[in-house]
């Protein structure tokens, strides 16, 4: 496991086209989610 901001950093650091972070942030335990980032890290 890693923080979401490190994923954002890694996308640009590795020159990737996109990033995915599996998280539901601060939602209750029964939730999960999936956020997509583009090559600019946002």
ModelCIF file with pLDDT and N, C-alpha, C, O atoms, coordinates in Angstrom:
data_MODEL
#
_entry.id   MODEL 
#
_entity.id                         1 
_entity.type                       polymer 
_entity.pdbx_number_of_molecules   1 
#
_entity_poly.entity_id                      1 
_entity_poly.type                           'polypeptide(L)' 
_entity_poly.nstd_linkage                   no 
_entity_poly.nstd_monomer                   no 
_entity_poly.pdbx_seq_one_letter_code       
;(UNK)(UNK)(UNK)(UNK)(UNK)(UNK)(UNK)(UNK)(UNK)(UNK)(UNK)(UNK)(UNK)(UNK)(UNK)(UNK)
(UNK)(UNK)(UNK)(UNK)(UNK)(UNK)(UNK)(UNK)(UNK)(UNK)(UNK)(UNK)(UNK)(UNK)(UNK)(UNK)
(UNK)(UNK)(UNK)(UNK)(UNK)(UNK)(UNK)(UNK)(UNK)(UNK)
;
_entity_poly.pdbx_seq_one_letter_code_can   XXXXXXXXXXXXXXXXXXXXXXXXXXXXXXXXXXXXXXXXXX 
_entity_poly.pdbx_strand_id                 A 
#
loop_
_entity_poly_seq.entity_id 
_entity_poly_seq.num 
_entity_poly_seq.mon_id 
_entity_poly_seq.hetero 
1 1  UNK n 
1 2  UNK n 
1 3  UNK n 
1 4  UNK n 
1 5  UNK n 
1 6  UNK n 
1 7  UNK n 
1 8  UNK n 
1 9  UNK n 
1 10 UNK n 
1 11 UNK n 
1 12 UNK n 
1 13 UNK n 
1 14 UNK n 
1 15 UNK n 
1 16 UNK n 
1 17 UNK n 
1 18 UNK n 
1 19 UNK n 
1 20 UNK n 
1 21 UNK n 
1 22 UNK n 
1 23 UNK n 
1 24 UNK n 
1 25 UNK n 
1 26 UNK n 
1 27 UNK n 
1 28 UNK n 
1 29 UNK n 
1 30 UNK n 
1 31 UNK n 
1 32 UNK n 
1 33 UNK n 
1 34 UNK n 
1 35 UNK n 
1 36 UNK n 
1 37 UNK n 
1 38 UNK n 
1 39 UNK n 
1 40 UNK n 
1 41 UNK n 
1 42 UNK n 
#
_struct_asym.id          A 
_struct_asym.entity_id   1 
#
loop_
_ma_qa_metric.id 
_ma_qa_metric.mode 
_ma_qa_metric.name 
_ma_qa_metric.software_group_id 
_ma_qa_metric.type 
1 global pLDDT . pLDDT 
2 local  pLDDT . pLDDT 
#
_ma_qa_metric_global.metric_id      1 
_ma_qa_metric_global.metric_value   96.45 
_ma_qa_metric_global.model_id       1 
_ma_qa_metric_global.ordinal_id     1 
#
loop_
_ma_qa_metric_local.label_asym_id 
_ma_qa_metric_local.label_comp_id 
_ma_qa_metric_local.label_seq_id 
_ma_qa_metric_local.metric_id 
_ma_qa_metric_local.metric_value 
_ma_qa_metric_local.model_id 
_ma_qa_metric_local.ordinal_id 
A UNK 1  2 98.00 1 1  
A UNK 2  2 98.00 1 2  
A UNK 3  2 98.00 1 3  
A UNK 4  2 98.00 1 4  
A UNK 5  2 98.00 1 5  
A UNK 6  2 98.00 1 6  
A UNK 7  2 98.00 1 7  
A UNK 8  2 98.00 1 8  
A UNK 9  2 98.00 1 9  
A UNK 10 2 98.00 1 10 
A UNK 11 2 98.00 1 11 
A UNK 12 2 98.00 1 12 
A UNK 13 2 98.00 1 13 
A UNK 14 2 98.00 1 14 
A UNK 15 2 98.00 1 15 
A UNK 16 2 98.00 1 16 
A UNK 17 2 98.00 1 17 
A UNK 18 2 98.00 1 18 
A UNK 19 2 98.00 1 19 
A UNK 20 2 98.00 1 20 
A UNK 21 2 98.00 1 21 
A UNK 22 2 98.00 1 22 
A UNK 23 2 97.00 1 23 
A UNK 24 2 93.00 1 24 
A UNK 25 2 91.00 1 25 
A UNK 26 2 88.00 1 26 
A UNK 27 2 88.00 1 27 
A UNK 28 2 91.00 1 28 
A UNK 29 2 95.00 1 29 
A UNK 30 2 96.00 1 30 
A UNK 31 2 95.00 1 31 
A UNK 32 2 97.00 1 32 
A UNK 33 2 96.00 1 33 
A UNK 34 2 95.00 1 34 
A UNK 35 2 96.00 1 35 
A UNK 36 2 97.00 1 36 
A UNK 37 2 97.00 1 37 
A UNK 38 2 97.00 1 38 
A UNK 39 2 97.00 1 39 
A UNK 40 2 96.00 1 40 
A UNK 41 2 97.00 1 41 
A UNK 42 2 96.00 1 42 
#
loop_
_atom_site.group_PDB 
_atom_site.id 
_atom_site.type_symbol 
_atom_site.label_atom_id 
_atom_site.label_alt_id 
_atom_site.label_comp_id 
_atom_site.label_asym_id 
_atom_site.label_entity_id 
_atom_site.label_seq_id 
_atom_site.pdbx_PDB_ins_code 
_atom_site.Cartn_x 
_atom_site.Cartn_y 
_atom_site.Cartn_z 
_atom_site.occupancy 
_atom_site.B_iso_or_equiv 
_atom_site.pdbx_formal_charge 
_atom_site.auth_seq_id 
_atom_site.auth_comp_id 
_atom_site.auth_asym_id 
_atom_site.auth_atom_id 
_atom_site.pdbx_PDB_model_num 
ATOM 1   N N  . UNK A 1 1  ? 0.817   -1.214 0.000   1.00 98.00 ? 1  UNK A N  1 
ATOM 2   C CA . UNK A 1 1  ? 0.000   0.000  0.000   1.00 98.00 ? 1  UNK A CA 1 
ATOM 3   C C  . UNK A 1 1  ? 0.851   1.265  0.000   1.00 98.00 ? 1  UNK A C  1 
ATOM 4   O O  . UNK A 1 1  ? 1.910   1.322  0.626   1.00 98.00 ? 1  UNK A O  1 
ATOM 5   N N  . UNK A 1 2  ? 0.359   2.288  -0.724  1.00 98.00 ? 2  UNK A N  1 
ATOM 6   C CA . UNK A 1 2  ? 1.044   3.571  -0.844  1.00 98.00 ? 2  UNK A CA 1 
ATOM 7   C C  . UNK A 1 2  ? 0.022   4.703  -0.862  1.00 98.00 ? 2  UNK A C  1 
ATOM 8   O O  . UNK A 1 2  ? -1.129  4.491  -1.246  1.00 98.00 ? 2  UNK A O  1 
ATOM 9   N N  . UNK A 1 3  ? 0.436   5.914  -0.446  1.00 98.00 ? 3  UNK A N  1 
ATOM 10  C CA . UNK A 1 3  ? -0.474  7.060  -0.488  1.00 98.00 ? 3  UNK A CA 1 
ATOM 11  C C  . UNK A 1 3  ? -0.834  7.460  -1.917  1.00 98.00 ? 3  UNK A C  1 
ATOM 12  O O  . UNK A 1 3  ? -0.047  7.281  -2.846  1.00 98.00 ? 3  UNK A O  1 
ATOM 13  N N  . UNK A 1 4  ? -2.021  7.997  -2.068  1.00 98.00 ? 4  UNK A N  1 
ATOM 14  C CA . UNK A 1 4  ? -2.444  8.521  -3.365  1.00 98.00 ? 4  UNK A CA 1 
ATOM 15  C C  . UNK A 1 4  ? -1.468  9.552  -3.934  1.00 98.00 ? 4  UNK A C  1 
ATOM 16  O O  . UNK A 1 4  ? -1.161  9.482  -5.124  1.00 98.00 ? 4  UNK A O  1 
ATOM 17  N N  . UNK A 1 5  ? -0.960  10.517 -3.135  1.00 98.00 ? 5  UNK A N  1 
ATOM 18  C CA . UNK A 1 5  ? -0.039  11.493 -3.728  1.00 98.00 ? 5  UNK A CA 1 
ATOM 19  C C  . UNK A 1 5  ? 1.242   10.866 -4.271  1.00 98.00 ? 5  UNK A C  1 
ATOM 20  O O  . UNK A 1 5  ? 1.843   11.398 -5.204  1.00 98.00 ? 5  UNK A O  1 
ATOM 21  N N  . UNK A 1 6  ? 1.662   9.745  -3.700  1.00 98.00 ? 6  UNK A N  1 
ATOM 22  C CA . UNK A 1 6  ? 2.851   9.088  -4.255  1.00 98.00 ? 6  UNK A CA 1 
ATOM 23  C C  . UNK A 1 6  ? 2.534   8.477  -5.615  1.00 98.00 ? 6  UNK A C  1 
ATOM 24  O O  . UNK A 1 6  ? 3.399   8.424  -6.489  1.00 98.00 ? 6  UNK A O  1 
ATOM 25  N N  . UNK A 1 7  ? 1.302   8.015  -5.795  1.00 98.00 ? 7  UNK A N  1 
ATOM 26  C CA . UNK A 1 7  ? 0.893   7.549  -7.121  1.00 98.00 ? 7  UNK A CA 1 
ATOM 27  C C  . UNK A 1 7  ? 0.971   8.688  -8.124  1.00 98.00 ? 7  UNK A C  1 
ATOM 28  O O  . UNK A 1 7  ? 1.490   8.522  -9.228  1.00 98.00 ? 7  UNK A O  1 
ATOM 29  N N  . UNK A 1 8  ? 0.445   9.856  -7.730  1.00 98.00 ? 8  UNK A N  1 
ATOM 30  C CA . UNK A 1 8  ? 0.499   11.024 -8.609  1.00 98.00 ? 8  UNK A CA 1 
ATOM 31  C C  . UNK A 1 8  ? 1.944   11.354 -8.973  1.00 98.00 ? 8  UNK A C  1 
ATOM 32  O O  . UNK A 1 8  ? 2.254   11.627 -10.133 1.00 98.00 ? 8  UNK A O  1 
ATOM 33  N N  . UNK A 1 9  ? 2.813   11.329 -7.986  1.00 98.00 ? 9  UNK A N  1 
ATOM 34  C CA . UNK A 1 9  ? 4.238   11.579 -8.223  1.00 98.00 ? 9  UNK A CA 1 
ATOM 35  C C  . UNK A 1 9  ? 4.835   10.544 -9.175  1.00 98.00 ? 9  UNK A C  1 
ATOM 36  O O  . UNK A 1 9  ? 5.568   10.893 -10.100 1.00 98.00 ? 9  UNK A O  1 
ATOM 37  N N  . UNK A 1 10 ? 4.513   9.260  -8.940  1.00 98.00 ? 10 UNK A N  1 
ATOM 38  C CA . UNK A 1 10 ? 5.127   8.174  -9.700  1.00 98.00 ? 10 UNK A CA 1 
ATOM 39  C C  . UNK A 1 10 ? 4.728   8.205  -11.171 1.00 98.00 ? 10 UNK A C  1 
ATOM 40  O O  . UNK A 1 10 ? 5.527   7.827  -12.028 1.00 98.00 ? 10 UNK A O  1 
ATOM 41  N N  . UNK A 1 11 ? 3.524   8.641  -11.479 1.00 98.00 ? 11 UNK A N  1 
ATOM 42  C CA . UNK A 1 11 ? 3.085   8.701  -12.879 1.00 98.00 ? 11 UNK A CA 1 
ATOM 43  C C  . UNK A 1 11 ? 4.034   9.564  -13.696 1.00 98.00 ? 11 UNK A C  1 
ATOM 44  O O  . UNK A 1 11 ? 4.465   9.168  -14.779 1.00 98.00 ? 11 UNK A O  1 
ATOM 45  N N  . UNK A 1 12 ? 4.357   10.740 -13.179 1.00 98.00 ? 12 UNK A N  1 
ATOM 46  C CA . UNK A 1 12 ? 5.273   11.631 -13.903 1.00 98.00 ? 12 UNK A CA 1 
ATOM 47  C C  . UNK A 1 12 ? 6.715   11.161 -13.797 1.00 98.00 ? 12 UNK A C  1 
ATOM 48  O O  . UNK A 1 12 ? 7.486   11.262 -14.752 1.00 98.00 ? 12 UNK A O  1 
ATOM 49  N N  . UNK A 1 13 ? 7.068   10.650 -12.635 1.00 98.00 ? 13 UNK A N  1 
ATOM 50  C CA . UNK A 1 13 ? 8.451   10.203 -12.428 1.00 98.00 ? 13 UNK A CA 1 
ATOM 51  C C  . UNK A 1 13 ? 8.818   9.063  -13.373 1.00 98.00 ? 13 UNK A C  1 
ATOM 52  O O  . UNK A 1 13 ? 9.954   8.989  -13.843 1.00 98.00 ? 13 UNK A O  1 
ATOM 53  N N  . UNK A 1 14 ? 7.863   8.170  -13.655 1.00 98.00 ? 14 UNK A N  1 
ATOM 54  C CA . UNK A 1 14 ? 8.116   7.018  -14.527 1.00 98.00 ? 14 UNK A CA 1 
ATOM 55  C C  . UNK A 1 14 ? 7.718   7.286  -15.976 1.00 98.00 ? 14 UNK A C  1 
ATOM 56  O O  . UNK A 1 14 ? 7.894   6.424  -16.837 1.00 98.00 ? 14 UNK A O  1 
ATOM 57  N N  . UNK A 1 15 ? 7.182   8.478  -16.248 1.00 98.00 ? 15 UNK A N  1 
ATOM 58  C CA . UNK A 1 15 ? 6.779   8.805  -17.609 1.00 98.00 ? 15 UNK A CA 1 
ATOM 59  C C  . UNK A 1 15 ? 5.629   7.953  -18.108 1.00 98.00 ? 15 UNK A C  1 
ATOM 60  O O  . UNK A 1 15 ? 5.561   7.650  -19.299 1.00 98.00 ? 15 UNK A O  1 
ATOM 61  N N  . UNK A 1 16 ? 4.719   7.560  -17.223 1.00 98.00 ? 16 UNK A N  1 
ATOM 62  C CA . UNK A 1 16 ? 3.591   6.707  -17.596 1.00 98.00 ? 16 UNK A CA 1 
ATOM 63  C C  . UNK A 1 16 ? 2.515   7.519  -18.308 1.00 98.00 ? 16 UNK A C  1 
ATOM 64  O O  . UNK A 1 16 ? 2.470   8.743  -18.190 1.00 98.00 ? 16 UNK A O  1 
ATOM 65  N N  . UNK A 1 17 ? 1.661   6.837  -19.039 1.00 98.00 ? 17 UNK A N  1 
ATOM 66  C CA . UNK A 1 17 ? 0.548   7.508  -19.706 1.00 98.00 ? 17 UNK A CA 1 
ATOM 67  C C  . UNK A 1 17 ? -0.599  7.753  -18.742 1.00 98.00 ? 17 UNK A C  1 
ATOM 68  O O  . UNK A 1 17 ? -1.373  8.693  -18.919 1.00 98.00 ? 17 UNK A O  1 
ATOM 69  N N  . UNK A 1 18 ? -0.712  6.902  -17.711 1.00 98.00 ? 18 UNK A N  1 
ATOM 70  C CA . UNK A 1 18 ? -1.847  7.028  -16.794 1.00 98.00 ? 18 UNK A CA 1 
ATOM 71  C C  . UNK A 1 18 ? -1.492  6.398  -15.454 1.00 98.00 ? 18 UNK A C  1 
ATOM 72  O O  . UNK A 1 18 ? -0.452  5.758  -15.297 1.00 98.00 ? 18 UNK A O  1 
ATOM 73  N N  . UNK A 1 19 ? -2.382  6.598  -14.501 1.00 98.00 ? 19 UNK A N  1 
ATOM 74  C CA . UNK A 1 19 ? -2.230  5.986  -13.187 1.00 98.00 ? 19 UNK A CA 1 
ATOM 75  C C  . UNK A 1 19 ? -3.588  5.568  -12.662 1.00 98.00 ? 19 UNK A C  1 
ATOM 76  O O  . UNK A 1 19 ? -4.614  6.153  -13.009 1.00 98.00 ? 19 UNK A O  1 
ATOM 77  N N  . UNK A 1 20 ? -3.577  4.559  -11.829 1.00 98.00 ? 20 UNK A N  1 
ATOM 78  C CA . UNK A 1 20 ? -4.797  4.105  -11.150 1.00 98.00 ? 20 UNK A CA 1 
ATOM 79  C C  . UNK A 1 20 ? -4.477  3.983  -9.671  1.00 98.00 ? 20 UNK A C  1 
ATOM 80  O O  . UNK A 1 20 ? -3.449  3.414  -9.302  1.00 98.00 ? 20 UNK A O  1 
ATOM 81  N N  . UNK A 1 21 ? -5.340  4.506  -8.828  1.00 98.00 ? 21 UNK A N  1 
ATOM 82  C CA . UNK A 1 21 ? -5.200  4.252  -7.397  1.00 98.00 ? 21 UNK A CA 1 
ATOM 83  C C  . UNK A 1 21 ? -6.499  3.646  -6.898  1.00 98.00 ? 21 UNK A C  1 
ATOM 84  O O  . UNK A 1 21 ? -7.579  4.197  -7.109  1.00 98.00 ? 21 UNK A O  1 
ATOM 85  N N  . UNK A 1 22 ? -6.381  2.507  -6.236  1.00 98.00 ? 22 UNK A N  1 
ATOM 86  C CA . UNK A 1 22 ? -7.536  1.814  -5.679  1.00 98.00 ? 22 UNK A CA 1 
ATOM 87  C C  . UNK A 1 22 ? -7.747  2.317  -4.256  1.00 98.00 ? 22 UNK A C  1 
ATOM 88  O O  . UNK A 1 22 ? -6.965  2.008  -3.357  1.00 98.00 ? 22 UNK A O  1 
ATOM 89  N N  . UNK A 1 23 ? -8.800  3.087  -4.060  1.00 97.00 ? 23 UNK A N  1 
ATOM 90  C CA . UNK A 1 23 ? -9.089  3.686  -2.762  1.00 97.00 ? 23 UNK A CA 1 
ATOM 91  C C  . UNK A 1 23 ? -10.521 4.206  -2.761  1.00 97.00 ? 23 UNK A C  1 
ATOM 92  O O  . UNK A 1 23 ? -11.087 4.510  -3.811  1.00 97.00 ? 23 UNK A O  1 
ATOM 93  N N  . UNK A 1 24 ? -11.092 4.302  -1.575  1.00 93.00 ? 24 UNK A N  1 
ATOM 94  C CA . UNK A 1 24 ? -12.358 5.030  -1.410  1.00 93.00 ? 24 UNK A CA 1 
ATOM 95  C C  . UNK A 1 24 ? -12.134 6.164  -0.425  1.00 93.00 ? 24 UNK A C  1 
ATOM 96  O O  . UNK A 1 24 ? -13.057 6.605  0.260   1.00 93.00 ? 24 UNK A O  1 
ATOM 97  N N  . UNK A 1 25 ? -10.878 6.633  -0.365  1.00 91.00 ? 25 UNK A N  1 
ATOM 98  C CA . UNK A 1 25 ? -10.524 7.771  0.466   1.00 91.00 ? 25 UNK A CA 1 
ATOM 99  C C  . UNK A 1 25 ? -10.965 7.545  1.899   1.00 91.00 ? 25 UNK A C  1 
ATOM 100 O O  . UNK A 1 25 ? -10.528 6.583  2.532   1.00 91.00 ? 25 UNK A O  1 
ATOM 101 N N  . UNK A 1 26 ? -11.832 8.420  2.430   1.00 88.00 ? 26 UNK A N  1 
ATOM 102 C CA . UNK A 1 26 ? -12.224 8.343  3.839   1.00 88.00 ? 26 UNK A CA 1 
ATOM 103 C C  . UNK A 1 26 ? -13.625 7.774  4.011   1.00 88.00 ? 26 UNK A C  1 
ATOM 104 O O  . UNK A 1 26 ? -14.232 7.951  5.067   1.00 88.00 ? 26 UNK A O  1 
ATOM 105 N N  . UNK A 1 27 ? -14.154 7.093  2.992   1.00 88.00 ? 27 UNK A N  1 
ATOM 106 C CA . UNK A 1 27 ? -15.478 6.477  3.115   1.00 88.00 ? 27 UNK A CA 1 
ATOM 107 C C  . UNK A 1 27 ? -15.474 5.345  4.139   1.00 88.00 ? 27 UNK A C  1 
ATOM 108 O O  . UNK A 1 27 ? -14.408 4.856  4.514   1.00 88.00 ? 27 UNK A O  1 
ATOM 109 N N  . UNK A 1 28 ? -16.652 4.925  4.593   1.00 91.00 ? 28 UNK A N  1 
ATOM 110 C CA . UNK A 1 28 ? -16.725 3.788  5.525   1.00 91.00 ? 28 UNK A CA 1 
ATOM 111 C C  . UNK A 1 28 ? -16.116 2.515  4.934   1.00 91.00 ? 28 UNK A C  1 
ATOM 112 O O  . UNK A 1 28 ? -15.854 2.427  3.734   1.00 91.00 ? 28 UNK A O  1 
ATOM 113 N N  . UNK A 1 29 ? -15.902 1.537  5.810   1.00 95.00 ? 29 UNK A N  1 
ATOM 114 C CA . UNK A 1 29 ? -15.127 0.346  5.455   1.00 95.00 ? 29 UNK A CA 1 
ATOM 115 C C  . UNK A 1 29 ? -15.741 -0.477 4.334   1.00 95.00 ? 29 UNK A C  1 
ATOM 116 O O  . UNK A 1 29 ? -15.015 -1.180 3.630   1.00 95.00 ? 29 UNK A O  1 
ATOM 117 N N  . UNK A 1 30 ? -17.065 -0.413 4.143   1.00 96.00 ? 30 UNK A N  1 
ATOM 118 C CA . UNK A 1 30 ? -17.702 -1.247 3.126   1.00 96.00 ? 30 UNK A CA 1 
ATOM 119 C C  . UNK A 1 30 ? -17.492 -0.723 1.710   1.00 96.00 ? 30 UNK A C  1 
ATOM 120 O O  . UNK A 1 30 ? -17.912 -1.369 0.751   1.00 96.00 ? 30 UNK A O  1 
ATOM 121 N N  . UNK A 1 31 ? -16.855 0.430  1.562   1.00 95.00 ? 31 UNK A N  1 
ATOM 122 C CA . UNK A 1 31 ? -16.627 1.037  0.246   1.00 95.00 ? 31 UNK A CA 1 
ATOM 123 C C  . UNK A 1 31 ? -15.218 0.760  -0.281  1.00 95.00 ? 31 UNK A C  1 
ATOM 124 O O  . UNK A 1 31 ? -14.272 0.569  0.483   1.00 95.00 ? 31 UNK A O  1 
ATOM 125 N N  . UNK A 1 32 ? -15.114 0.747  -1.594  1.00 97.00 ? 32 UNK A N  1 
ATOM 126 C CA . UNK A 1 32 ? -13.819 0.879  -2.246  1.00 97.00 ? 32 UNK A CA 1 
ATOM 127 C C  . UNK A 1 32 ? -14.029 1.653  -3.540  1.00 97.00 ? 32 UNK A C  1 
ATOM 128 O O  . UNK A 1 32 ? -15.161 1.926  -3.939  1.00 97.00 ? 32 UNK A O  1 
ATOM 129 N N  . UNK A 1 33 ? -12.931 2.000  -4.182  1.00 96.00 ? 33 UNK A N  1 
ATOM 130 C CA . UNK A 1 33 ? -13.037 2.827  -5.382  1.00 96.00 ? 33 UNK A CA 1 
ATOM 131 C C  . UNK A 1 33 ? -11.799 2.716  -6.247  1.00 96.00 ? 33 UNK A C  1 
ATOM 132 O O  . UNK A 1 33 ? -10.902 1.913  -5.990  1.00 96.00 ? 33 UNK A O  1 
ATOM 133 N N  . UNK A 1 34 ? -11.774 3.542  -7.280  1.00 95.00 ? 34 UNK A N  1 
ATOM 134 C CA . UNK A 1 34 ? -10.786 3.390  -8.359  1.00 95.00 ? 34 UNK A CA 1 
ATOM 135 C C  . UNK A 1 34 ? -10.691 4.737  -9.054  1.00 95.00 ? 34 UNK A C  1 
ATOM 136 O O  . UNK A 1 34 ? -11.616 5.134  -9.763  1.00 95.00 ? 34 UNK A O  1 
ATOM 137 N N  . UNK A 1 35 ? -9.582  5.446  -8.860  1.00 96.00 ? 35 UNK A N  1 
ATOM 138 C CA . UNK A 1 35 ? -9.410  6.764  -9.463  1.00 96.00 ? 35 UNK A CA 1 
ATOM 139 C C  . UNK A 1 35 ? -8.386  6.687  -10.589 1.00 96.00 ? 35 UNK A C  1 
ATOM 140 O O  . UNK A 1 35 ? -7.387  5.973  -10.497 1.00 96.00 ? 35 UNK A O  1 
ATOM 141 N N  . UNK A 1 36 ? -8.655  7.434  -11.648 1.00 97.00 ? 36 UNK A N  1 
ATOM 142 C CA . UNK A 1 36 ? -7.775  7.420  -12.826 1.00 97.00 ? 36 UNK A CA 1 
ATOM 143 C C  . UNK A 1 36 ? -7.040  8.751  -12.952 1.00 97.00 ? 36 UNK A C  1 
ATOM 144 O O  . UNK A 1 36 ? -7.635  9.822  -12.825 1.00 97.00 ? 36 UNK A O  1 
ATOM 145 N N  . UNK A 1 37 ? -5.743  8.663  -13.201 1.00 97.00 ? 37 UNK A N  1 
ATOM 146 C CA . UNK A 1 37 ? -4.870  9.823  -13.413 1.00 97.00 ? 37 UNK A CA 1 
ATOM 147 C C  . UNK A 1 37 ? -4.316  9.762  -14.825 1.00 97.00 ? 37 UNK A C  1 
ATOM 148 O O  . UNK A 1 37 ? -4.185  8.687  -15.411 1.00 97.00 ? 37 UNK A O  1 
ATOM 149 N N  . UNK A 1 38 ? -3.989  10.950 -15.371 1.00 97.00 ? 38 UNK A N  1 
ATOM 150 C CA . UNK A 1 38 ? -3.379  10.964 -16.699 1.00 97.00 ? 38 UNK A CA 1 
ATOM 151 C C  . UNK A 1 38 ? -1.892  11.283 -16.559 1.00 97.00 ? 38 UNK A C  1 
ATOM 152 O O  . UNK A 1 38 ? -1.385  11.393 -15.442 1.00 97.00 ? 38 UNK A O  1 
ATOM 153 N N  . UNK A 1 39 ? -1.197  11.432 -17.671 1.00 97.00 ? 39 UNK A N  1 
ATOM 154 C CA . UNK A 1 39 ? 0.263   11.489 -17.653 1.00 97.00 ? 39 UNK A CA 1 
ATOM 155 C C  . UNK A 1 39 ? 0.827   12.716 -16.945 1.00 97.00 ? 39 UNK A C  1 
ATOM 156 O O  . UNK A 1 39 ? 2.009   12.738 -16.604 1.00 97.00 ? 39 UNK A O  1 
ATOM 157 N N  . UNK A 1 40 ? -0.005  13.743 -16.717 1.00 96.00 ? 40 UNK A N  1 
ATOM 158 C CA . UNK A 1 40 ? 0.452   14.916 -15.971 1.00 96.00 ? 40 UNK A CA 1 
ATOM 159 C C  . UNK A 1 40 ? 0.413   14.685 -14.465 1.00 96.00 ? 40 UNK A C  1 
ATOM 160 O O  . UNK A 1 40 ? 0.824   15.554 -13.696 1.00 96.00 ? 40 UNK A O  1 
ATOM 161 N N  . UNK A 1 41 ? -0.079  13.520 -14.035 1.00 97.00 ? 41 UNK A N  1 
ATOM 162 C CA . UNK A 1 41 ? -0.118  13.194 -12.612 1.00 97.00 ? 41 UNK A CA 1 
ATOM 163 C C  . UNK A 1 41 ? -1.368  13.658 -11.905 1.00 97.00 ? 41 UNK A C  1 
ATOM 164 O O  . UNK A 1 41 ? -1.517  13.429 -10.705 1.00 97.00 ? 41 UNK A O  1 
ATOM 165 N N  . UNK A 1 42 ? -2.282  14.313 -12.626 1.00 96.00 ? 42 UNK A N  1 
ATOM 166 C CA . UNK A 1 42 ? -3.546  14.776 -12.041 1.00 96.00 ? 42 UNK A CA 1 
ATOM 167 C C  . UNK A 1 42 ? -4.670  13.830 -12.441 1.00 96.00 ? 42 UNK A C  1 
ATOM 168 O O  . UNK A 1 42 ? -5.820  14.038 -12.054 1.00 96.00 ? 42 UNK A O  1 
#
